[in-house]
PDB file of N, CA and C in Angstrom:
ATOM      1  N   MET A   1     179.094 122.894  81.761  1.00  0.00           N
ATOM      2  CA  MET A   1     179.016 121.968  80.644  1.00  0.00           C
ATOM      3  C   MET A   1     177.564 121.915  80.155  1.00  0.00           C
ATOM      4  N   SER A   2     177.371 122.084  78.855  1.00  0.00           N
ATOM      5  CA  SER A   2     176.026 122.064  78.284  1.00  0.00           C
ATOM      6  C   SER A   2     175.470 120.638  78.269  1.00  0.00           C
ATOM      7  N   THR A   3     174.174 120.533  78.049  1.00  0.00           N
ATOM      8  CA  THR A   3     173.539 119.218  77.967  1.00  0.00           C
ATOM      9  C   THR A   3     174.152 118.404  76.837  1.00  0.00           C
ATOM     10  N   LYS A   4     174.382 119.045  75.691  1.00  0.00           N
ATOM     11  CA  LYS A   4     174.991 118.348  74.554  1.00  0.00           C
ATOM     12  C   LYS A   4     176.359 117.810  74.941  1.00  0.00           C
ATOM     13  N   GLU A   5     177.168 118.626  75.609  1.00  0.00           N
ATOM     14  CA  GLU A   5     178.495 118.186  76.028  1.00  0.00           C
ATOM     15  C   GLU A   5     178.413 117.020  77.006  1.00  0.00           C
ATOM     16  N   LYS A   6     177.441 117.062  77.914  1.00  0.00           N
ATOM     17  CA  LYS A   6     177.264 115.975  78.878  1.00  0.00           C
ATOM     18  C   LYS A   6     176.912 114.670  78.171  1.00  0.00           C
ATOM     19  N   ILE A   7     176.022 114.755  77.194  1.00  0.00           N
ATOM     20  CA  ILE A   7     175.606 113.571  76.445  1.00  0.00           C
ATOM     21  C   ILE A   7     176.777 113.012  75.643  1.00  0.00           C
ATOM     22  N   LEU A   8     177.499 113.894  74.947  1.00  0.00           N
ATOM     23  CA  LEU A   8     178.652 113.452  74.165  1.00  0.00           C
ATOM     24  C   LEU A   8     179.715 112.846  75.079  1.00  0.00           C
ATOM     25  N   ASN A   9     179.890 113.402  76.260  1.00  0.00           N
ATOM     26  CA  ASN A   9     180.847 112.870  77.218  1.00  0.00           C
ATOM     27  C   ASN A   9     180.450 111.460  77.666  1.00  0.00           C
ATOM     28  N   LYS A  10     179.157 111.241  77.920  1.00  0.00           N
ATOM     29  CA  LYS A  10     178.690 109.906  78.313  1.00  0.00           C
ATOM     30  C   LYS A  10     178.923 108.901  77.187  1.00  0.00           C
ATOM     31  N   ILE A  11     178.711 109.332  75.941  1.00  0.00           N
ATOM     32  CA  ILE A  11     178.955 108.446  74.796  1.00  0.00           C
ATOM     33  C   ILE A  11     180.444 108.118  74.704  1.00  0.00           C
ATOM     34  N   GLN A  12     181.290 109.121  74.901  1.00  0.00           N
ATOM     35  CA  GLN A  12     182.739 108.906  74.859  1.00  0.00           C
ATOM     36  C   GLN A  12     183.171 107.913  75.943  1.00  0.00           C
ATOM     37  N   ILE A  13     182.647 108.066  77.141  1.00  0.00           N
ATOM     38  CA  ILE A  13     182.984 107.154  78.239  1.00  0.00           C
ATOM     39  C   ILE A  13     182.542 105.735  77.901  1.00  0.00           C
ATOM     40  N   LEU A  14     181.326 105.588  77.363  1.00  0.00           N
ATOM     41  CA  LEU A  14     180.822 104.271  76.972  1.00  0.00           C
ATOM     42  C   LEU A  14     181.759 103.617  75.969  1.00  0.00           C
ATOM     43  N   ILE A  15     182.118 104.346  74.927  1.00  0.00           N
ATOM     44  CA  ILE A  15     182.960 103.782  73.869  1.00  0.00           C
ATOM     45  C   ILE A  15     184.351 103.458  74.403  1.00  0.00           C
ATOM     46  N   ALA A  16     184.954 104.394  75.135  1.00  0.00           N
ATOM     47  CA  ALA A  16     186.316 104.196  75.639  1.00  0.00           C
ATOM     48  C   ALA A  16     186.412 103.049  76.639  1.00  0.00           C
ATOM     49  N   SER A  17     185.381 102.857  77.443  1.00  0.00           N
ATOM     50  CA  SER A  17     185.476 101.842  78.489  1.00  0.00           C
ATOM     51  C   SER A  17     184.991 100.459  78.059  1.00  0.00           C
ATOM     52  N   ASN A  18     184.302 100.358  76.934  1.00  0.00           N
ATOM     53  CA  ASN A  18     183.743  99.074  76.521  1.00  0.00           C
ATOM     54  C   ASN A  18     184.248  98.539  75.187  1.00  0.00           C
ATOM     55  N   PHE A  19     184.923  99.385  74.425  1.00  0.00           N
ATOM     56  CA  PHE A  19     185.342  98.976  73.089  1.00  0.00           C
ATOM     57  C   PHE A  19     186.786  99.410  72.839  1.00  0.00           C
ATOM     58  N   LYS A  20     187.501  98.627  72.043  1.00  0.00           N
ATOM     59  CA  LYS A  20     188.894  98.962  71.727  1.00  0.00           C
ATOM     60  C   LYS A  20     188.980 100.126  70.751  1.00  0.00           C
ATOM     61  N   THR A  21     187.987 100.212  69.857  1.00  0.00           N
ATOM     62  CA  THR A  21     187.995 101.254  68.827  1.00  0.00           C
ATOM     63  C   THR A  21     186.570 101.745  68.575  1.00  0.00           C
ATOM     64  N   PRO A  22     186.434 102.937  67.995  1.00  0.00           N
ATOM     65  CA  PRO A  22     185.092 103.390  67.592  1.00  0.00           C
ATOM     66  C   PRO A  22     184.454 102.449  66.567  1.00  0.00           C
ATOM     67  N   GLU A  23     185.267 101.834  65.708  1.00  0.00           N
ATOM     68  CA  GLU A  23     184.741 100.879  64.723  1.00  0.00           C
ATOM     69  C   GLU A  23     184.076  99.698  65.423  1.00  0.00           C
ATOM     70  N   GLU A  24     184.693  99.240  66.491  1.00  0.00           N
ATOM     71  CA  GLU A  24     184.127  98.119  67.254  1.00  0.00           C
ATOM     72  C   GLU A  24     182.790  98.522  67.885  1.00  0.00           C
ATOM     73  N   ALA A  25     182.721  99.735  68.398  1.00  0.00           N
ATOM     74  CA  ALA A  25     181.470 100.236  68.984  1.00  0.00           C
ATOM     75  C   ALA A  25     180.386 100.325  67.915  1.00  0.00           C
ATOM     76  N   PHE A  26     180.743 100.883  66.763  1.00  0.00           N
ATOM     77  CA  PHE A  26     179.784 101.017  65.665  1.00  0.00           C
ATOM     78  C   PHE A  26     179.251  99.639  65.263  1.00  0.00           C
ATOM     79  N   ALA A  27     180.155  98.683  65.089  1.00  0.00           N
ATOM     80  CA  ALA A  27     179.751  97.333  64.687  1.00  0.00           C
ATOM     81  C   ALA A  27     178.842  96.692  65.737  1.00  0.00           C
ATOM     82  N   PHE A  28     179.139  96.923  67.004  1.00  0.00           N
ATOM     83  CA  PHE A  28     178.328  96.361  68.083  1.00  0.00           C
ATOM     84  C   PHE A  28     176.896  96.905  68.032  1.00  0.00           C
ATOM     85  N   PHE A  29     176.748  98.200  67.842  1.00  0.00           N
ATOM     86  CA  PHE A  29     175.413  98.808  67.856  1.00  0.00           C
ATOM     87  C   PHE A  29     174.677  98.663  66.524  1.00  0.00           C
ATOM     88  N   ASP A  30     175.392  98.326  65.449  1.00  0.00           N
ATOM     89  CA  ASP A  30     174.768  98.084  64.149  1.00  0.00           C
ATOM     90  C   ASP A  30     174.205  96.662  64.152  1.00  0.00           C
ATOM     91  N   ALA A  31     173.093  96.481  64.868  1.00  0.00           N
ATOM     92  CA  ALA A  31     172.518  95.158  65.116  1.00  0.00           C
ATOM     93  C   ALA A  31     172.172  94.397  63.836  1.00  0.00           C
ATOM     94  N   ASP A  32     171.680  95.093  62.823  1.00  0.00           N
ATOM     95  CA  ASP A  32     171.289  94.402  61.588  1.00  0.00           C
ATOM     96  C   ASP A  32     172.427  94.325  60.570  1.00  0.00           C
ATOM     97  N   LYS A  33     173.592  94.855  60.946  1.00  0.00           N
ATOM     98  CA  LYS A  33     174.819  94.786  60.132  1.00  0.00           C
ATOM     99  C   LYS A  33     174.641  95.348  58.725  1.00  0.00           C
ATOM    100  N   ASP A  34     173.858  96.436  58.620  1.00  0.00           N
ATOM    101  CA  ASP A  34     173.668  97.068  57.312  1.00  0.00           C
ATOM    102  C   ASP A  34     174.637  98.222  57.078  1.00  0.00           C
ATOM    103  N   GLY A  35     175.545  98.458  58.034  1.00  0.00           N
ATOM    104  CA  GLY A  35     176.530  99.523  57.881  1.00  0.00           C
ATOM    105  C   GLY A  35     176.018 100.894  58.273  1.00  0.00           C
ATOM    106  N   LYS A  36     174.820 100.932  58.879  1.00  0.00           N
ATOM    107  CA  LYS A  36     174.228 102.204  59.304  1.00  0.00           C
ATOM    108  C   LYS A  36     173.512 101.992  60.628  1.00  0.00           C
ATOM    109  N   LEU A  37     173.468 103.056  61.418  1.00  0.00           N
ATOM    110  CA  LEU A  37     172.740 102.998  62.682  1.00  0.00           C
ATOM    111  C   LEU A  37     171.359 103.615  62.497  1.00  0.00           C
ATOM    112  N   SER A  38     170.348 102.840  62.814  1.00  0.00           N
ATOM    113  CA  SER A  38     168.965 103.308  62.744  1.00  0.00           C
ATOM    114  C   SER A  38     168.622 104.060  64.024  1.00  0.00           C
ATOM    115  N   LYS A  39     167.447 104.643  64.043  1.00  0.00           N
ATOM    116  CA  LYS A  39     166.975 105.339  65.239  1.00  0.00           C
ATOM    117  C   LYS A  39     166.960 104.384  66.440  1.00  0.00           C
ATOM    118  N   LYS A  40     166.493 103.161  66.231  1.00  0.00           N
ATOM    119  CA  LYS A  40     166.439 102.172  67.308  1.00  0.00           C
ATOM    120  C   LYS A  40     167.847 101.827  67.793  1.00  0.00           C
ATOM    121  N   GLU A  41     168.783 101.645  66.870  1.00  0.00           N
ATOM    122  CA  GLU A  41     170.155 101.288  67.237  1.00  0.00           C
ATOM    123  C   GLU A  41     170.843 102.435  67.988  1.00  0.00           C
ATOM    124  N   ILE A  42     170.589 103.663  67.573  1.00  0.00           N
ATOM    125  CA  ILE A  42     171.151 104.819  68.273  1.00  0.00           C
ATOM    126  C   ILE A  42     170.540 104.925  69.668  1.00  0.00           C
ATOM    127  N   SER A  43     169.255 104.654  69.778  1.00  0.00           N
ATOM    128  CA  SER A  43     168.596 104.670  71.078  1.00  0.00           C
ATOM    129  C   SER A  43     169.223 103.642  72.021  1.00  0.00           C
ATOM    130  N   GLU A  44     169.579 102.466  71.482  1.00  0.00           N
ATOM    131  CA  GLU A  44     170.257 101.429  72.280  1.00  0.00           C
ATOM    132  C   GLU A  44     171.613 101.939  72.766  1.00  0.00           C
ATOM    133  N   LEU A  45     172.347 102.599  71.879  1.00  0.00           N
ATOM    134  CA  LEU A  45     173.639 103.175  72.252  1.00  0.00           C
ATOM    135  C   LEU A  45     173.457 104.174  73.387  1.00  0.00           C
ATOM    136  N   LEU A  46     172.471 105.040  73.259  1.00  0.00           N
ATOM    137  CA  LEU A  46     172.222 106.054  74.285  1.00  0.00           C
ATOM    138  C   LEU A  46     171.789 105.413  75.599  1.00  0.00           C
ATOM    139  N   GLN A  47     171.015 104.342  75.523  1.00  0.00           N
ATOM    140  CA  GLN A  47     170.605 103.636  76.734  1.00  0.00           C
ATOM    141  C   GLN A  47     171.827 103.070  77.444  1.00  0.00           C
ATOM    142  N   LYS A  48     172.727 102.459  76.688  1.00  0.00           N
ATOM    143  CA  LYS A  48     173.954 101.904  77.273  1.00  0.00           C
ATOM    144  C   LYS A  48     174.835 103.019  77.848  1.00  0.00           C
ATOM    145  N   ALA A  49     174.742 104.222  77.266  1.00  0.00           N
ATOM    146  CA  ALA A  49     175.513 105.369  77.759  1.00  0.00           C
ATOM    147  C   ALA A  49     174.817 106.040  78.943  1.00  0.00           C
ATOM    148  N   GLU A  50     173.717 105.435  79.398  1.00  0.00           N
ATOM    149  CA  GLU A  50     172.960 105.915  80.553  1.00  0.00           C
ATOM    150  C   GLU A  50     172.339 107.298  80.340  1.00  0.00           C
ATOM    151  N   ILE A  51     171.843 107.506  79.116  1.00  0.00           N
ATOM    152  CA  ILE A  51     171.089 108.725  78.812  1.00  0.00           C
ATOM    153  C   ILE A  51     169.651 108.467  79.268  1.00  0.00           C
ATOM    154  N   ASN A  52     169.119 109.358  80.065  1.00  0.00           N
ATOM    155  CA  ASN A  52     167.786 109.245  80.657  1.00  0.00           C
ATOM    156  C   ASN A  52     166.739 108.936  79.592  1.00  0.00           C
ATOM    157  N   GLY A  53     165.883 107.982  79.891  1.00  0.00           N
ATOM    158  CA  GLY A  53     164.834 107.565  78.968  1.00  0.00           C
ATOM    159  C   GLY A  53     163.911 108.683  78.528  1.00  0.00           C
ATOM    160  N   LEU A  54     163.692 109.663  79.389  1.00  0.00           N
ATOM    161  CA  LEU A  54     162.797 110.772  79.044  1.00  0.00           C
ATOM    162  C   LEU A  54     163.329 111.614  77.890  1.00  0.00           C
ATOM    163  N   ILE A  55     164.650 111.742  77.810  1.00  0.00           N
ATOM    164  CA  ILE A  55     165.204 112.580  76.741  1.00  0.00           C
ATOM    165  C   ILE A  55     165.857 111.762  75.630  1.00  0.00           C
ATOM    166  N   ARG A  56     165.946 110.437  75.802  1.00  0.00           N
ATOM    167  CA  ARG A  56     166.640 109.598  74.835  1.00  0.00           C
ATOM    168  C   ARG A  56     166.047 109.721  73.425  1.00  0.00           C
ATOM    169  N   GLY A  57     164.717 109.738  73.321  1.00  0.00           N
ATOM    170  CA  GLY A  57     164.088 109.854  72.008  1.00  0.00           C
ATOM    171  C   GLY A  57     164.419 111.163  71.326  1.00  0.00           C
ATOM    172  N   LEU A  58     164.388 112.235  72.084  1.00  0.00           N
ATOM    173  CA  LEU A  58     164.731 113.551  71.541  1.00  0.00           C
ATOM    174  C   LEU A  58     166.187 113.593  71.113  1.00  0.00           C
ATOM    175  N   VAL A  59     167.059 113.067  71.957  1.00  0.00           N
ATOM    176  CA  VAL A  59     168.489 113.069  71.643  1.00  0.00           C
ATOM    177  C   VAL A  59     168.767 112.209  70.412  1.00  0.00           C
ATOM    178  N   THR A  60     168.105 111.069  70.319  1.00  0.00           N
ATOM    179  CA  THR A  60     168.264 110.206  69.144  1.00  0.00           C
ATOM    180  C   THR A  60     167.920 110.971  67.876  1.00  0.00           C
ATOM    181  N   SER A  61     166.794 111.652  67.870  1.00  0.00           N
ATOM    182  CA  SER A  61     166.379 112.431  66.699  1.00  0.00           C
ATOM    183  C   SER A  61     167.374 113.539  66.392  1.00  0.00           C
ATOM    184  N   LYS A  62     167.855 114.212  67.429  1.00  0.00           N
ATOM    185  CA  LYS A  62     168.804 115.315  67.233  1.00  0.00           C
ATOM    186  C   LYS A  62     170.143 114.801  66.707  1.00  0.00           C
ATOM    187  N   LEU A  63     170.579 113.637  67.177  1.00  0.00           N
ATOM    188  CA  LEU A  63     171.829 113.071  66.672  1.00  0.00           C
ATOM    189  C   LEU A  63     171.706 112.731  65.194  1.00  0.00           C
ATOM    190  N   ILE A  64     170.595 112.114  64.816  1.00  0.00           N
ATOM    191  CA  ILE A  64     170.389 111.798  63.402  1.00  0.00           C
ATOM    192  C   ILE A  64     170.335 113.089  62.591  1.00  0.00           C
ATOM    193  N   GLU A  65     169.566 114.048  63.064  1.00  0.00           N
ATOM    194  CA  GLU A  65     169.435 115.334  62.375  1.00  0.00           C
ATOM    195  C   GLU A  65     170.803 116.010  62.213  1.00  0.00           C
ATOM    196  N   GLY A  66     171.625 115.935  63.244  1.00  0.00           N
ATOM    197  CA  GLY A  66     172.914 116.623  63.225  1.00  0.00           C
ATOM    198  C   GLY A  66     173.997 115.933  62.421  1.00  0.00           C
ATOM    199  N   TYR A  67     173.950 114.608  62.334  1.00  0.00           N
ATOM    200  CA  TYR A  67     175.050 113.881  61.696  1.00  0.00           C
ATOM    201  C   TYR A  67     174.677 113.153  60.417  1.00  0.00           C
ATOM    202  N   ASP A  68     173.394 113.037  60.113  1.00  0.00           N
ATOM    203  CA  ASP A  68     172.948 112.359  58.892  1.00  0.00           C
ATOM    204  C   ASP A  68     173.111 113.303  57.707  1.00  0.00           C
ATOM    205  N   LYS A  69     174.275 113.275  57.091  1.00  0.00           N
ATOM    206  CA  LYS A  69     174.580 114.215  56.004  1.00  0.00           C
ATOM    207  C   LYS A  69     173.938 113.841  54.675  1.00  0.00           C
ATOM    208  N   ASP A  70     173.638 112.548  54.455  1.00  0.00           N
ATOM    209  CA  ASP A  70     173.042 112.163  53.177  1.00  0.00           C
ATOM    210  C   ASP A  70     171.509 112.127  53.217  1.00  0.00           C
ATOM    211  N   GLY A  71     170.933 112.423  54.392  1.00  0.00           N
ATOM    212  CA  GLY A  71     169.484 112.565  54.498  1.00  0.00           C
ATOM    213  C   GLY A  71     168.680 111.282  54.441  1.00  0.00           C
ATOM    214  N   ASP A  72     169.317 110.132  54.715  1.00  0.00           N
ATOM    215  CA  ASP A  72     168.584 108.867  54.640  1.00  0.00           C
ATOM    216  C   ASP A  72     167.934 108.458  55.968  1.00  0.00           C
ATOM    217  N   GLY A  73     168.093 109.299  56.996  1.00  0.00           N
ATOM    218  CA  GLY A  73     167.489 109.006  58.292  1.00  0.00           C
ATOM    219  C   GLY A  73     168.280 108.013  59.121  1.00  0.00           C
ATOM    220  N   LEU A  74     169.488 107.691  58.670  1.00  0.00           N
ATOM    221  CA  LEU A  74     170.368 106.741  59.347  1.00  0.00           C
ATOM    222  C   LEU A  74     171.739 107.388  59.528  1.00  0.00           C
ATOM    223  N   VAL A  75     172.561 106.811  60.392  1.00  0.00           N
ATOM    224  CA  VAL A  75     173.920 107.318  60.588  1.00  0.00           C
ATOM    225  C   VAL A  75     174.895 106.250  60.090  1.00  0.00           C
ATOM    226  N   SER A  76     175.608 106.583  59.012  1.00  0.00           N
ATOM    227  CA  SER A  76     176.584 105.663  58.429  1.00  0.00           C
ATOM    228  C   SER A  76     177.881 105.702  59.241  1.00  0.00           C
ATOM    229  N   TRP A  77     178.799 104.803  58.899  1.00  0.00           N
ATOM    230  CA  TRP A  77     180.096 104.793  59.572  1.00  0.00           C
ATOM    231  C   TRP A  77     180.800 106.139  59.396  1.00  0.00           C
ATOM    232  N   GLU A  78     180.782 106.688  58.186  1.00  0.00           N
ATOM    233  CA  GLU A  78     181.436 107.981  57.937  1.00  0.00           C
ATOM    234  C   GLU A  78     180.806 109.080  58.795  1.00  0.00           C
ATOM    235  N   GLU A  79     179.500 109.082  58.901  1.00  0.00           N
ATOM    236  CA  GLU A  79     178.797 110.073  59.722  1.00  0.00           C
ATOM    237  C   GLU A  79     179.101 109.849  61.210  1.00  0.00           C
ATOM    238  N   PHE A  80     179.199 108.592  61.612  1.00  0.00           N
ATOM    239  CA  PHE A  80     179.532 108.253  62.991  1.00  0.00           C
ATOM    240  C   PHE A  80     180.938 108.745  63.326  1.00  0.00           C
ATOM    241  N   LYS A  81     181.872 108.580  62.391  1.00  0.00           N
ATOM    242  CA  LYS A  81     183.249 109.061  62.612  1.00  0.00           C
ATOM    243  C   LYS A  81     183.267 110.567  62.848  1.00  0.00           C
ATOM    244  N   THR A  82     182.430 111.297  62.136  1.00  0.00           N
ATOM    245  CA  THR A  82     182.326 112.738  62.326  1.00  0.00           C
ATOM    246  C   THR A  82     181.869 113.048  63.752  1.00  0.00           C
ATOM    247  N   ALA A  83     180.890 112.303  64.221  1.00  0.00           N
ATOM    248  CA  ALA A  83     180.393 112.500  65.598  1.00  0.00           C
ATOM    249  C   ALA A  83     181.485 112.178  66.608  1.00  0.00           C
ATOM    250  N   ILE A  84     182.224 111.098  66.384  1.00  0.00           N
ATOM    251  CA  ILE A  84     183.305 110.716  67.298  1.00  0.00           C
ATOM    252  C   ILE A  84     184.402 111.776  67.310  1.00  0.00           C
ATOM    253  N   ALA A  85     184.707 112.324  66.145  1.00  0.00           N
ATOM    254  CA  ALA A  85     185.736 113.374  66.073  1.00  0.00           C
ATOM    255  C   ALA A  85     185.301 114.590  66.904  1.00  0.00           C
ATOM    256  N   GLU A  86     184.018 114.921  66.857  1.00  0.00           N
ATOM    257  CA  GLU A  86     183.498 116.042  67.650  1.00  0.00           C
ATOM    258  C   GLU A  86     183.597 115.740  69.145  1.00  0.00           C
ATOM    259  N   ILE A  87     183.299 114.509  69.512  1.00  0.00           N
ATOM    260  CA  ILE A  87     183.386 114.101  70.906  1.00  0.00           C
ATOM    261  C   ILE A  87     184.822 114.230  71.410  1.00  0.00           C
ATOM    262  N   ASN A  88     185.772 113.847  70.575  1.00  0.00           N
ATOM    263  CA  ASN A  88     187.174 113.833  70.988  1.00  0.00           C
ATOM    264  C   ASN A  88     187.850 115.197  70.946  1.00  0.00           C
ATOM    265  N   ASP A  89     187.188 116.207  70.411  1.00  0.00           N
ATOM    266  CA  ASP A  89     187.773 117.561  70.358  1.00  0.00           C
ATOM    267  C   ASP A  89     187.768 118.227  71.719  1.00  0.00           C
TER     268      ASP A  89
END
């Protein structure tokens, strides 16, 4: 299993074991309720998913880079759904 797969698996476990739906997880981590996850909010999600602090910053940047389709530096609900769909494949 690649590092990316391990990280996505930890995120899937976090969401499945703590939230009824991905929407509930998104709303929980969207601390400022602006409908988008910032770098800080994604870092919080990764921390809760027990992603090592040494790589959390890098992973946060890579997640934004990989899923931020509109280029605003944030992950919207639609972009988050894309990430969840990849996790569930």
